Amino acid sequence: MLVVTLVLAGVGFALLIVALTTGSLIWAWACIAICVAGAVLLLVSALTSRKAVPSLDDPVSGSGASSSYGRVESSSDSSTDDAATANDDNQGNHGGSPGGPDKS
């Protein structure tokens, strides 16, 4: 549908050039009619494509936890707890203090 809109825009532009070079009012009105038809077609295309794209807020499956790409959303609390646990576990492996390894 967008290709037809682009073709109508090209025809409208060509009719505008013809209307300007010949000075004929009929070609100018034809240009306006073609451009209005293209604008209406573009508006219809935009509105139908907006309805076809699902919103991110709409759940795809029964629960809202999974997205349309199959990934499961996690809460921020579990990710911060996992990061804190990982830092506690790895702290002994990396020397423990910023000044260097412990000498005790």
PDB file of N, CA and C in Angstrom:
ATOM      1  N   MET A   1       0.824  -1.187   0.000  1.00  0.00           N
ATOM      2  CA  MET A   1       0.000   0.000   0.000  1.00  0.00           C
ATOM      3  C   MET A   1       0.874   1.259   0.000  1.00  0.00           C
ATOM      4  N   LEU A   2       2.029   1.156   0.627  1.00  0.00           N
ATOM      5  CA  LEU A   2       2.929   2.308   0.636  1.00  0.00           C
ATOM      6  C   LEU A   2       3.517   2.574  -0.747  1.00  0.00           C
ATOM      7  N   VAL A   3       3.688   1.509  -1.522  1.00  0.00           N
ATOM      8  CA  VAL A   3       4.203   1.684  -2.884  1.00  0.00           C
ATOM      9  C   VAL A   3       3.197   2.469  -3.724  1.00  0.00           C
ATOM     10  N   VAL A   4       1.918   2.158  -3.554  1.00  0.00           N
ATOM     11  CA  VAL A   4       0.879   2.892  -4.285  1.00  0.00           C
ATOM     12  C   VAL A   4       0.872   4.363  -3.863  1.00  0.00           C
ATOM     13  N   THR A   5       1.083   4.611  -2.588  1.00  0.00           N
ATOM     14  CA  THR A   5       1.148   5.992  -2.104  1.00  0.00           C
ATOM     15  C   THR A   5       2.322   6.736  -2.723  1.00  0.00           C
ATOM     16  N   LEU A   6       3.468   6.070  -2.819  1.00  0.00           N
ATOM     17  CA  LEU A   6       4.631   6.703  -3.445  1.00  0.00           C
ATOM     18  C   LEU A   6       4.399   6.961  -4.930  1.00  0.00           C
ATOM     19  N   VAL A   7       3.729   6.037  -5.591  1.00  0.00           N
ATOM     20  CA  VAL A   7       3.410   6.238  -7.010  1.00  0.00           C
ATOM     21  C   VAL A   7       2.465   7.428  -7.174  1.00  0.00           C
ATOM     22  N   LEU A   8       1.461   7.514  -6.320  1.00  0.00           N
ATOM     23  CA  LEU A   8       0.537   8.652  -6.385  1.00  0.00           C
ATOM     24  C   LEU A   8       1.260   9.978  -6.112  1.00  0.00           C
ATOM     25  N   ALA A   9       2.229   9.962  -5.209  1.00  0.00           N
ATOM     26  CA  ALA A   9       2.999  11.182  -4.946  1.00  0.00           C
ATOM     27  C   ALA A   9       3.823  11.570  -6.172  1.00  0.00           C
ATOM     28  N   GLY A  10       4.403  10.586  -6.830  1.00  0.00           N
ATOM     29  CA  GLY A  10       5.159  10.862  -8.058  1.00  0.00           C
ATOM     30  C   GLY A  10       4.286  11.395  -9.176  1.00  0.00           C
ATOM     31  N   VAL A  11       3.104  10.806  -9.342  1.00  0.00           N
ATOM     32  CA  VAL A  11       2.171  11.282 -10.368  1.00  0.00           C
ATOM     33  C   VAL A  11       1.688  12.686 -10.033  1.00  0.00           C
ATOM     34  N   GLY A  12       1.425  12.930  -8.751  1.00  0.00           N
ATOM     35  CA  GLY A  12       1.013  14.271  -8.330  1.00  0.00           C
ATOM     36  C   GLY A  12       2.086  15.312  -8.596  1.00  0.00           C
ATOM     37  N   PHE A  13       3.330  14.933  -8.352  1.00  0.00           N
ATOM     38  CA  PHE A  13       4.433  15.858  -8.628  1.00  0.00           C
ATOM     39  C   PHE A  13       4.567  16.122 -10.128  1.00  0.00           C
ATOM     40  N   ALA A  14       4.414  15.073 -10.915  1.00  0.00           N
ATOM     41  CA  ALA A  14       4.480  15.241 -12.376  1.00  0.00           C
ATOM     42  C   ALA A  14       3.348  16.139 -12.870  1.00  0.00           C
ATOM     43  N   LEU A  15       2.143  15.948 -12.316  1.00  0.00           N
ATOM     44  CA  LEU A  15       1.025  16.815 -12.696  1.00  0.00           C
ATOM     45  C   LEU A  15       1.256  18.258 -12.251  1.00  0.00           C
ATOM     46  N   LEU A  16       1.931  18.446 -11.143  1.00  0.00           N
ATOM     47  CA  LEU A  16       2.263  19.805 -10.697  1.00  0.00           C
ATOM     48  C   LEU A  16       3.214  20.475 -11.679  1.00  0.00           C
ATOM     49  N   ILE A  17       4.206  19.740 -12.121  1.00  0.00           N
ATOM     50  CA  ILE A  17       5.150  20.290 -13.099  1.00  0.00           C
ATOM     51  C   ILE A  17       4.430  20.645 -14.399  1.00  0.00           C
ATOM     52  N   VAL A  18       3.543  19.750 -14.849  1.00  0.00           N
ATOM     53  CA  VAL A  18       2.780  20.015 -16.073  1.00  0.00           C
ATOM     54  C   VAL A  18       1.893  21.244 -15.891  1.00  0.00           C
ATOM     55  N   ALA A  19       1.245  21.348 -14.726  1.00  0.00           N
ATOM     56  CA  ALA A  19       0.363  22.489 -14.475  1.00  0.00           C
ATOM     57  C   ALA A  19       1.147  23.797 -14.435  1.00  0.00           C
ATOM     58  N   LEU A  20       2.346  23.777 -13.886  1.00  0.00           N
ATOM     59  CA  LEU A  20       3.153  25.005 -13.818  1.00  0.00           C
ATOM     60  C   LEU A  20       3.706  25.407 -15.179  1.00  0.00           C
ATOM     61  N   THR A  21       4.088  24.425 -15.970  1.00  0.00           N
ATOM     62  CA  THR A  21       4.669  24.766 -17.274  1.00  0.00           C
ATOM     63  C   THR A  21       3.607  25.181 -18.295  1.00  0.00           C
ATOM     64  N   THR A  22       2.423  24.568 -18.212  1.00  0.00           N
ATOM     65  CA  THR A  22       1.389  24.919 -19.187  1.00  0.00           C
ATOM     66  C   THR A  22       0.497  26.058 -18.710  1.00  0.00           C
ATOM     67  N   GLY A  23       0.438  26.262 -17.409  1.00  0.00           N
ATOM     68  CA  GLY A  23      -0.434  27.303 -16.870  1.00  0.00           C
ATOM     69  C   GLY A  23      -1.903  26.895 -16.890  1.00  0.00           C
ATOM     70  N   SER A  24      -2.169  25.614 -16.983  1.00  0.00           N
ATOM     71  CA  SER A  24      -3.538  25.110 -17.060  1.00  0.00           C
ATOM     72  C   SER A  24      -4.059  24.791 -15.663  1.00  0.00           C
ATOM     73  N   LEU A  25      -5.259  25.258 -15.386  1.00  0.00           N
ATOM     74  CA  LEU A  25      -5.876  25.036 -14.083  1.00  0.00           C
ATOM     75  C   LEU A  25      -6.375  23.591 -13.940  1.00  0.00           C
ATOM     76  N   ILE A  26      -6.686  22.954 -15.025  1.00  0.00           N
ATOM     77  CA  ILE A  26      -7.174  21.567 -14.979  1.00  0.00           C
ATOM     78  C   ILE A  26      -6.086  20.630 -14.460  1.00  0.00           C
ATOM     79  N   TRP A  27      -4.850  20.818 -14.931  1.00  0.00           N
ATOM     80  CA  TRP A  27      -3.745  19.985 -14.458  1.00  0.00           C
ATOM     81  C   TRP A  27      -3.468  20.231 -12.972  1.00  0.00           C
ATOM     82  N   ALA A  28      -3.632  21.458 -12.524  1.00  0.00           N
ATOM     83  CA  ALA A  28      -3.422  21.772 -11.110  1.00  0.00           C
ATOM     84  C   ALA A  28      -4.462  21.069 -10.234  1.00  0.00           C
ATOM     85  N   TRP A  29      -5.740  21.083 -10.683  1.00  0.00           N
ATOM     86  CA  TRP A  29      -6.779  20.393  -9.920  1.00  0.00           C
ATOM     87  C   TRP A  29      -6.551  18.876  -9.946  1.00  0.00           C
ATOM     88  N   ALA A  30      -6.060  18.352 -11.039  1.00  0.00           N
ATOM     89  CA  ALA A  30      -5.739  16.926 -11.108  1.00  0.00           C
ATOM     90  C   ALA A  30      -4.613  16.579 -10.134  1.00  0.00           C
ATOM     91  N   CYS A  31      -3.635  17.472 -10.038  1.00  0.00           N
ATOM     92  CA  CYS A  31      -2.530  17.282  -9.086  1.00  0.00           C
ATOM     93  C   CYS A  31      -3.059  17.262  -7.659  1.00  0.00           C
ATOM     94  N   ILE A  32      -3.958  18.188  -7.335  1.00  0.00           N
ATOM     95  CA  ILE A  32      -4.530  18.258  -5.981  1.00  0.00           C
ATOM     96  C   ILE A  32      -5.328  16.992  -5.691  1.00  0.00           C
ATOM     97  N   ALA A  33      -6.120  16.521  -6.656  1.00  0.00           N
ATOM     98  CA  ALA A  33      -6.927  15.316  -6.439  1.00  0.00           C
ATOM     99  C   ALA A  33      -6.043  14.090  -6.202  1.00  0.00           C
ATOM    100  N   ILE A  34      -4.982  13.952  -6.987  1.00  0.00           N
ATOM    101  CA  ILE A  34      -4.073  12.810  -6.829  1.00  0.00           C
ATOM    102  C   ILE A  34      -3.365  12.879  -5.478  1.00  0.00           C
ATOM    103  N   CYS A  35      -2.942  14.062  -5.077  1.00  0.00           N
ATOM    104  CA  CYS A  35      -2.239  14.211  -3.789  1.00  0.00           C
ATOM    105  C   CYS A  35      -3.169  13.936  -2.612  1.00  0.00           C
ATOM    106  N   VAL A  36      -4.411  14.351  -2.691  1.00  0.00           N
ATOM    107  CA  VAL A  36      -5.374  14.063  -1.624  1.00  0.00           C
ATOM    108  C   VAL A  36      -5.632  12.554  -1.552  1.00  0.00           C
ATOM    109  N   ALA A  37      -5.764  11.903  -2.689  1.00  0.00           N
ATOM    110  CA  ALA A  37      -5.959  10.448  -2.706  1.00  0.00           C
ATOM    111  C   ALA A  37      -4.757   9.735  -2.081  1.00  0.00           C
ATOM    112  N   GLY A  38      -3.554  10.196  -2.380  1.00  0.00           N
ATOM    113  CA  GLY A  38      -2.349   9.603  -1.785  1.00  0.00           C
ATOM    114  C   GLY A  38      -2.287   9.827  -0.288  1.00  0.00           C
ATOM    115  N   ALA A  39      -2.697  11.018   0.165  1.00  0.00           N
ATOM    116  CA  ALA A  39      -2.682  11.316   1.599  1.00  0.00           C
ATOM    117  C   ALA A  39      -3.693  10.449   2.344  1.00  0.00           C
ATOM    118  N   VAL A  40      -4.875  10.259   1.754  1.00  0.00           N
ATOM    119  CA  VAL A  40      -5.885   9.402   2.378  1.00  0.00           C
ATOM    120  C   VAL A  40      -5.393   7.958   2.440  1.00  0.00           C
ATOM    121  N   LEU A  41      -4.785   7.491   1.375  1.00  0.00           N
ATOM    122  CA  LEU A  41      -4.256   6.134   1.347  1.00  0.00           C
ATOM    123  C   LEU A  41      -3.139   5.953   2.382  1.00  0.00           C
ATOM    124  N   LEU A  42      -2.295   6.949   2.536  1.00  0.00           N
ATOM    125  CA  LEU A  42      -1.226   6.888   3.539  1.00  0.00           C
ATOM    126  C   LEU A  42      -1.801   6.863   4.945  1.00  0.00           C
ATOM    127  N   LEU A  43      -2.838   7.640   5.192  1.00  0.00           N
ATOM    128  CA  LEU A  43      -3.480   7.659   6.504  1.00  0.00           C
ATOM    129  C   LEU A  43      -4.127   6.314   6.809  1.00  0.00           C
ATOM    130  N   VAL A  44      -4.809   5.748   5.842  1.00  0.00           N
ATOM    131  CA  VAL A  44      -5.428   4.431   6.028  1.00  0.00           C
ATOM    132  C   VAL A  44      -4.359   3.375   6.298  1.00  0.00           C
ATOM    133  N   SER A  45      -3.267   3.435   5.574  1.00  0.00           N
ATOM    134  CA  SER A  45      -2.178   2.479   5.766  1.00  0.00           C
ATOM    135  C   SER A  45      -1.567   2.611   7.161  1.00  0.00           C
ATOM    136  N   ALA A  46      -1.381   3.832   7.611  1.00  0.00           N
ATOM    137  CA  ALA A  46      -0.803   4.046   8.934  1.00  0.00           C
ATOM    138  C   ALA A  46      -1.736   3.552  10.038  1.00  0.00           C
ATOM    139  N   LEU A  47      -3.027   3.785   9.879  1.00  0.00           N
ATOM    140  CA  LEU A  47      -3.972   3.347  10.906  1.00  0.00           C
ATOM    141  C   LEU A  47      -4.113   1.834  10.941  1.00  0.00           C
ATOM    142  N   THR A  48      -4.098   1.180   9.801  1.00  0.00           N
ATOM    143  CA  THR A  48      -4.209  -0.280   9.790  1.00  0.00           C
ATOM    144  C   THR A  48      -2.931  -0.943  10.299  1.00  0.00           C
ATOM    145  N   SER A  49      -1.778  -0.360  10.030  1.00  0.00           N
ATOM    146  CA  SER A  49      -0.537  -0.958  10.537  1.00  0.00           C
ATOM    147  C   SER A  49      -0.407  -0.742  12.032  1.00  0.00           C
ATOM    148  N   ARG A  50      -0.964   0.323  12.566  1.00  0.00           N
ATOM    149  CA  ARG A  50      -0.925   0.567  14.006  1.00  0.00           C
ATOM    150  C   ARG A  50      -1.766  -0.477  14.734  1.00  0.00           C
ATOM    151  N   LYS A  51      -2.907  -0.866  14.168  1.00  0.00           N
ATOM    152  CA  LYS A  51      -3.755  -1.873  14.793  1.00  0.00           C
ATOM    153  C   LYS A  51      -3.147  -3.259  14.684  1.00  0.00           C
ATOM    154  N   ALA A  52      -2.326  -3.499  13.679  1.00  0.00           N
ATOM    155  CA  ALA A  52      -1.750  -4.822  13.461  1.00  0.00           C
ATOM    156  C   ALA A  52      -0.594  -5.105  14.410  1.00  0.00           C
ATOM    157  N   VAL A  53       0.093  -4.090  14.920  1.00  0.00           N
ATOM    158  CA  VAL A  53       1.242  -4.273  15.796  1.00  0.00           C
ATOM    159  C   VAL A  53       0.745  -4.403  17.233  1.00  0.00           C
ATOM    160  N   PRO A  54       1.056  -5.511  17.922  1.00  0.00           N
ATOM    161  CA  PRO A  54       0.600  -5.663  19.303  1.00  0.00           C
ATOM    162  C   PRO A  54       1.354  -4.730  20.239  1.00  0.00           C
ATOM    163  N   SER A  55       0.671  -4.263  21.236  1.00  0.00           N
ATOM    164  CA  SER A  55       1.282  -3.380  22.217  1.00  0.00           C
ATOM    165  C   SER A  55       2.169  -4.192  23.149  1.00  0.00           C
ATOM    166  N   LEU A  56       3.171  -3.560  23.731  1.00  0.00           N
ATOM    167  CA  LEU A  56       4.051  -4.249  24.670  1.00  0.00           C
ATOM    168  C   LEU A  56       3.352  -4.510  25.999  1.00  0.00           C
ATOM    169  N   ASP A  57       2.308  -3.744  26.311  1.00  0.00           N
ATOM    170  CA  ASP A  57       1.593  -3.921  27.557  1.00  0.00           C
ATOM    171  C   ASP A  57       0.612  -5.078  27.503  1.00  0.00           C
ATOM    172  N   ASP A  58       0.183  -5.482  26.299  1.00  0.00           N
ATOM    173  CA  ASP A  58      -0.768  -6.571  26.162  1.00  0.00           C
ATOM    174  C   ASP A  58      -0.057  -7.898  26.368  1.00  0.00           C
ATOM    175  N   PRO A  59      -0.579  -8.741  27.248  1.00  0.00           N
ATOM    176  CA  PRO A  59       0.056 -10.048  27.442  1.00  0.00           C
ATOM    177  C   PRO A  59      -0.211 -10.943  26.247  1.00  0.00           C
ATOM    178  N   VAL A  60       0.828 -11.649  25.808  1.00  0.00           N
ATOM    179  CA  VAL A  60       0.709 -12.530  24.661  1.00  0.00           C
ATOM    180  C   VAL A  60       0.089 -13.844  25.093  1.00  0.00           C
ATOM    181  N   SER A  61       0.619 -14.418  26.154  1.00  0.00           N
ATOM    182  CA  SER A  61       0.045 -15.646  26.679  1.00  0.00           C
ATOM    183  C   SER A  61      -0.788 -15.300  27.906  1.00  0.00           C
ATOM    184  N   GLY A  62      -1.220 -16.274  28.645  1.00  0.00           N
ATOM    185  CA  GLY A  62      -2.107 -16.057  29.780  1.00  0.00           C
ATOM    186  C   GLY A  62      -1.486 -15.201  30.876  1.00  0.00           C
ATOM    187  N   SER A  63      -0.182 -15.288  31.071  1.00  0.00           N
ATOM    188  CA  SER A  63       0.445 -14.505  32.137  1.00  0.00           C
ATOM    189  C   SER A  63       1.204 -13.332  31.545  1.00  0.00           C
ATOM    190  N   GLY A  64       1.395 -12.309  32.332  1.00  0.00           N
ATOM    191  CA  GLY A  64       2.107 -11.136  31.871  1.00  0.00           C
ATOM    192  C   GLY A  64       3.606 -11.232  32.056  1.00  0.00           C
ATOM    193  N   ALA A  65       4.095 -12.388  32.530  1.00  0.00           N
ATOM    194  CA  ALA A  65       5.513 -12.496  32.838  1.00  0.00           C
ATOM    195  C   ALA A  65       6.375 -12.745  31.619  1.00  0.00           C
ATOM    196  N   SER A  66       5.816 -13.345  30.585  1.00  0.00           N
ATOM    197  CA  SER A  66       6.643 -13.631  29.417  1.00  0.00           C
ATOM    198  C   SER A  66       6.300 -12.672  28.300  1.00  0.00           C
ATOM    199  N   SER A  67       7.288 -12.321  27.526  1.00  0.00           N
ATOM    200  CA  SER A  67       7.082 -11.415  26.407  1.00  0.00           C
ATOM    201  C   SER A  67       6.860 -12.221  25.136  1.00  0.00           C
ATOM    202  N   SER A  68       6.661 -11.537  24.020  1.00  0.00           N
ATOM    203  CA  SER A  68       6.381 -12.230  22.766  1.00  0.00           C
ATOM    204  C   SER A  68       7.617 -12.915  22.193  1.00  0.00           C
ATOM    205  N   TYR A  69       8.775 -12.682  22.738  1.00  0.00           N
ATOM    206  CA  TYR A  69      10.000 -13.288  22.241  1.00  0.00           C
ATOM    207  C   TYR A  69      10.424 -14.491  23.069  1.00  0.00           C
ATOM    208  N   GLY A  70       9.611 -14.903  24.026  1.00  0.00           N
ATOM    209  CA  GLY A  70       9.913 -16.088  24.793  1.00  0.00           C
ATOM    210  C   GLY A  70      10.807 -15.846  25.991  1.00  0.00           C
ATOM    211  N   ARG A  71      11.192 -14.628  26.244  1.00  0.00           N
ATOM    212  CA  ARG A  71      12.006 -14.338  27.412  1.00  0.00           C
ATOM    213  C   ARG A  71      11.094 -14.123  28.610  1.00  0.00           C
ATOM    214  N   VAL A  72      11.559 -14.516  29.768  1.00  0.00           N
ATOM    215  CA  VAL A  72      10.788 -14.323  30.988  1.00  0.00           C
ATOM    216  C   VAL A  72      11.382 -13.141  31.725  1.00  0.00           C
ATOM    217  N   GLU A  73      10.510 -12.215  32.109  1.00  0.00           N
ATOM    218  CA  GLU A  73      10.979 -11.033  32.829  1.00  0.00           C
ATOM    219  C   GLU A  73      11.282 -11.419  34.266  1.00  0.00           C
ATOM    220  N   SER A  74      12.353 -10.878  34.822  1.00  0.00           N
ATOM    221  CA  SER A  74      12.696 -11.141  36.212  1.00  0.00           C
ATOM    222  C   SER A  74      12.564  -9.859  37.007  1.00  0.00           C
ATOM    223  N   SER A  75      12.308 -10.016  38.273  1.00  0.00           N
ATOM    224  CA  SER A  75      12.177  -8.829  39.103  1.00  0.00           C
ATOM    225  C   SER A  75      13.555  -8.309  39.463  1.00  0.00           C
ATOM    226  N   SER A  76      13.622  -7.040  39.804  1.00  0.00           N
ATOM    227  CA  SER A  76      14.914  -6.430  40.103  1.00  0.00           C
ATOM    228  C   SER A  76      15.460  -6.906  41.437  1.00  0.00           C
ATOM    229  N   ASP A  77      14.590  -7.370  42.358  1.00  0.00           N
ATOM    230  CA  ASP A  77      15.064  -7.829  43.656  1.00  0.00           C
ATOM    231  C   ASP A  77      15.911  -9.077  43.529  1.00  0.00           C
ATOM    232  N   SER A  78      15.491 -10.037  42.709  1.00  0.00           N
ATOM    233  CA  SER A  78      16.247 -11.276  42.579  1.00  0.00           C
ATOM    234  C   SER A  78      17.582 -11.029  41.881  1.00  0.00           C
ATOM    235  N   SER A  79      17.625 -10.101  40.936  1.00  0.00           N
ATOM    236  CA  SER A  79      18.887  -9.862  40.243  1.00  0.00           C
ATOM    237  C   SER A  79      19.885  -9.162  41.159  1.00  0.00           C
ATOM    238  N   THR A  80      19.419  -8.283  42.039  1.00  0.00           N
ATOM    239  CA  THR A  80      20.348  -7.630  42.961  1.00  0.00           C
ATOM    240  C   THR A  80      20.805  -8.596  44.032  1.00  0.00           C
ATOM    241  N   ASP A  81      19.917  -9.536  44.463  1.00  0.00           N
ATOM    242  CA  ASP A  81      20.334 -10.534  45.436  1.00  0.00           C
ATOM    243  C   ASP A  81      21.366 -11.471  44.836  1.00  0.00           C
ATOM    244  N   ASP A  82      21.169 -11.866  43.571  1.00  0.00           N
ATOM    245  CA  ASP A  82      22.134 -12.731  42.906  1.00  0.00           C
ATOM    246  C   ASP A  82      23.478 -12.038  42.752  1.00  0.00           C
ATOM    247  N   ALA A  83      23.461 -10.751  42.424  1.00  0.00           N
ATOM    248  CA  ALA A  83      24.708 -10.008  42.267  1.00  0.00           C
ATOM    249  C   ALA A  83      25.424  -9.872  43.606  1.00  0.00           C
ATOM    250  N   ALA A  84      24.685  -9.651  44.689  1.00  0.00           N
ATOM    251  CA  ALA A  84      25.302  -9.528  46.008  1.00  0.00           C
ATOM    252  C   ALA A  84      25.897 -10.862  46.433  1.00  0.00           C
ATOM    253  N   THR A  85      25.202 -11.952  46.151  1.00  0.00           N
ATOM    254  CA  THR A  85      25.724 -13.269  46.492  1.00  0.00           C
ATOM    255  C   THR A  85      26.971 -13.576  45.686  1.00  0.00           C
ATOM    256  N   ALA A  86      26.968 -13.233  44.430  1.00  0.00           N
ATOM    257  CA  ALA A  86      28.135 -13.472  43.589  1.00  0.00           C
ATOM    258  C   ALA A  86      29.325 -12.664  44.073  1.00  0.00           C
ATOM    259  N   ASN A  87      29.111 -11.432  44.505  1.00  0.00           N
ATOM    260  CA  ASN A  87      30.213 -10.617  45.020  1.00  0.00           C
ATOM    261  C   ASN A  87      30.738 -11.175  46.328  1.00  0.00           C
ATOM    262  N   ASP A  88      29.852 -11.699  47.203  1.00  0.00           N
ATOM    263  CA  ASP A  88      30.302 -12.285  48.461  1.00  0.00           C
ATOM    264  C   ASP A  88      31.122 -13.540  48.210  1.00  0.00           C
ATOM    265  N   ASP A  89      30.701 -14.351  47.256  1.00  0.00           N
ATOM    266  CA  ASP A  89      31.423 -15.584  46.963  1.00  0.00           C
ATOM    267  C   ASP A  89      32.779 -15.300  46.334  1.00  0.00           C
ATOM    268  N   ASN A  90      32.864 -14.307  45.490  1.00  0.00           N
ATOM    269  CA  ASN A  90      34.098 -14.029  44.766  1.00  0.00           C
ATOM    270  C   ASN A  90      35.057 -13.140  45.532  1.00  0.00           C
ATOM    271  N   GLN A  91      34.629 -12.557  46.639  1.00  0.00           N
ATOM    272  CA  GLN A  91      35.488 -11.624  47.351  1.00  0.00           C
ATOM    273  C   GLN A  91      36.714 -12.325  47.911  1.00  0.00           C
ATOM    274  N   GLY A  92      36.556 -13.544  48.419  1.00  0.00           N
ATOM    275  CA  GLY A  92      37.703 -14.267  48.962  1.00  0.00           C
ATOM    276  C   GLY A  92      38.667 -14.694  47.871  1.00  0.00           C
ATOM    277  N   ASN A  93      38.186 -14.865  46.665  1.00  0.00           N
ATOM    278  CA  ASN A  93      39.052 -15.308  45.577  1.00  0.00           C
ATOM    279  C   ASN A  93      39.905 -14.180  45.031  1.00  0.00           C
ATOM    280  N   HIS A  94      39.529 -12.940  45.275  1.00  0.00           N
ATOM    281  CA  HIS A  94      40.239 -11.813  44.680  1.00  0.00           C
ATOM    282  C   HIS A  94      41.037 -11.008  45.698  1.00  0.00           C
ATOM    283  N   GLY A  95      41.315 -11.538  46.845  1.00  0.00           N
ATOM    284  CA  GLY A  95      42.177 -10.847  47.776  1.00  0.00           C
ATOM    285  C   GLY A  95      41.410 -10.172  48.899  1.00  0.00           C
ATOM    286  N   GLY A  96      40.173  -9.802  48.730  1.00  0.00           N
ATOM    287  CA  GLY A  96      39.363  -9.281  49.815  1.00  0.00           C
ATOM    288  C   GLY A  96      39.489  -7.797  50.051  1.00  0.00           C
ATOM    289  N   SER A  97      40.674  -7.216  49.956  1.00  0.00           N
ATOM    290  CA  SER A  97      40.829  -5.789  50.215  1.00  0.00           C
ATOM    291  C   SER A  97      41.438  -5.125  48.991  1.00  0.00           C
ATOM    292  N   PRO A  98      41.148  -3.832  48.799  1.00  0.00           N
ATOM    293  CA  PRO A  98      41.691  -3.174  47.619  1.00  0.00           C
ATOM    294  C   PRO A  98      43.184  -2.963  47.667  1.00  0.00           C
ATOM    295  N   GLY A  99      43.805  -3.041  48.835  1.00  0.00           N
ATOM    296  CA  GLY A  99      45.231  -2.800  48.965  1.00  0.00           C
ATOM    297  C   GLY A  99      46.082  -3.976  48.553  1.00  0.00           C
ATOM    298  N   GLY A 100      45.501  -5.121  48.371  1.00  0.00           N
ATOM    299  CA  GLY A 100      46.266  -6.295  47.997  1.00  0.00           C
ATOM    300  C   GLY A 100      45.766  -7.501  48.750  1.00  0.00           C
ATOM    301  N   PRO A 101      46.480  -8.609  48.661  1.00  0.00           N
ATOM    302  CA  PRO A 101      46.023  -9.825  49.349  1.00  0.00           C
ATOM    303  C   PRO A 101      46.194  -9.700  50.857  1.00  0.00           C
ATOM    304  N   ASP A 102      45.333 -10.431  51.584  1.00  0.00           N
ATOM    305  CA  ASP A 102      45.425 -10.418  53.060  1.00  0.00           C
ATOM    306  C   ASP A 102      46.680 -11.161  53.483  1.00  0.00           C
ATOM    307  N   LYS A 103      47.346 -10.639  54.518  1.00  0.00           N
ATOM    308  CA  LYS A 103      48.579 -11.261  54.992  1.00  0.00           C
ATOM    309  C   LYS A 103      48.383 -11.900  56.356  1.00  0.00           C
ATOM    310  N   SER A 104      47.139 -12.223  56.690  1.00  0.00           N
ATOM    311  CA  SER A 104      46.920 -12.790  58.023  1.00  0.00           C
ATOM    312  C   SER A 104      47.005 -14.262  58.072  1.00  0.00           C
TER     313      SER A 104
END
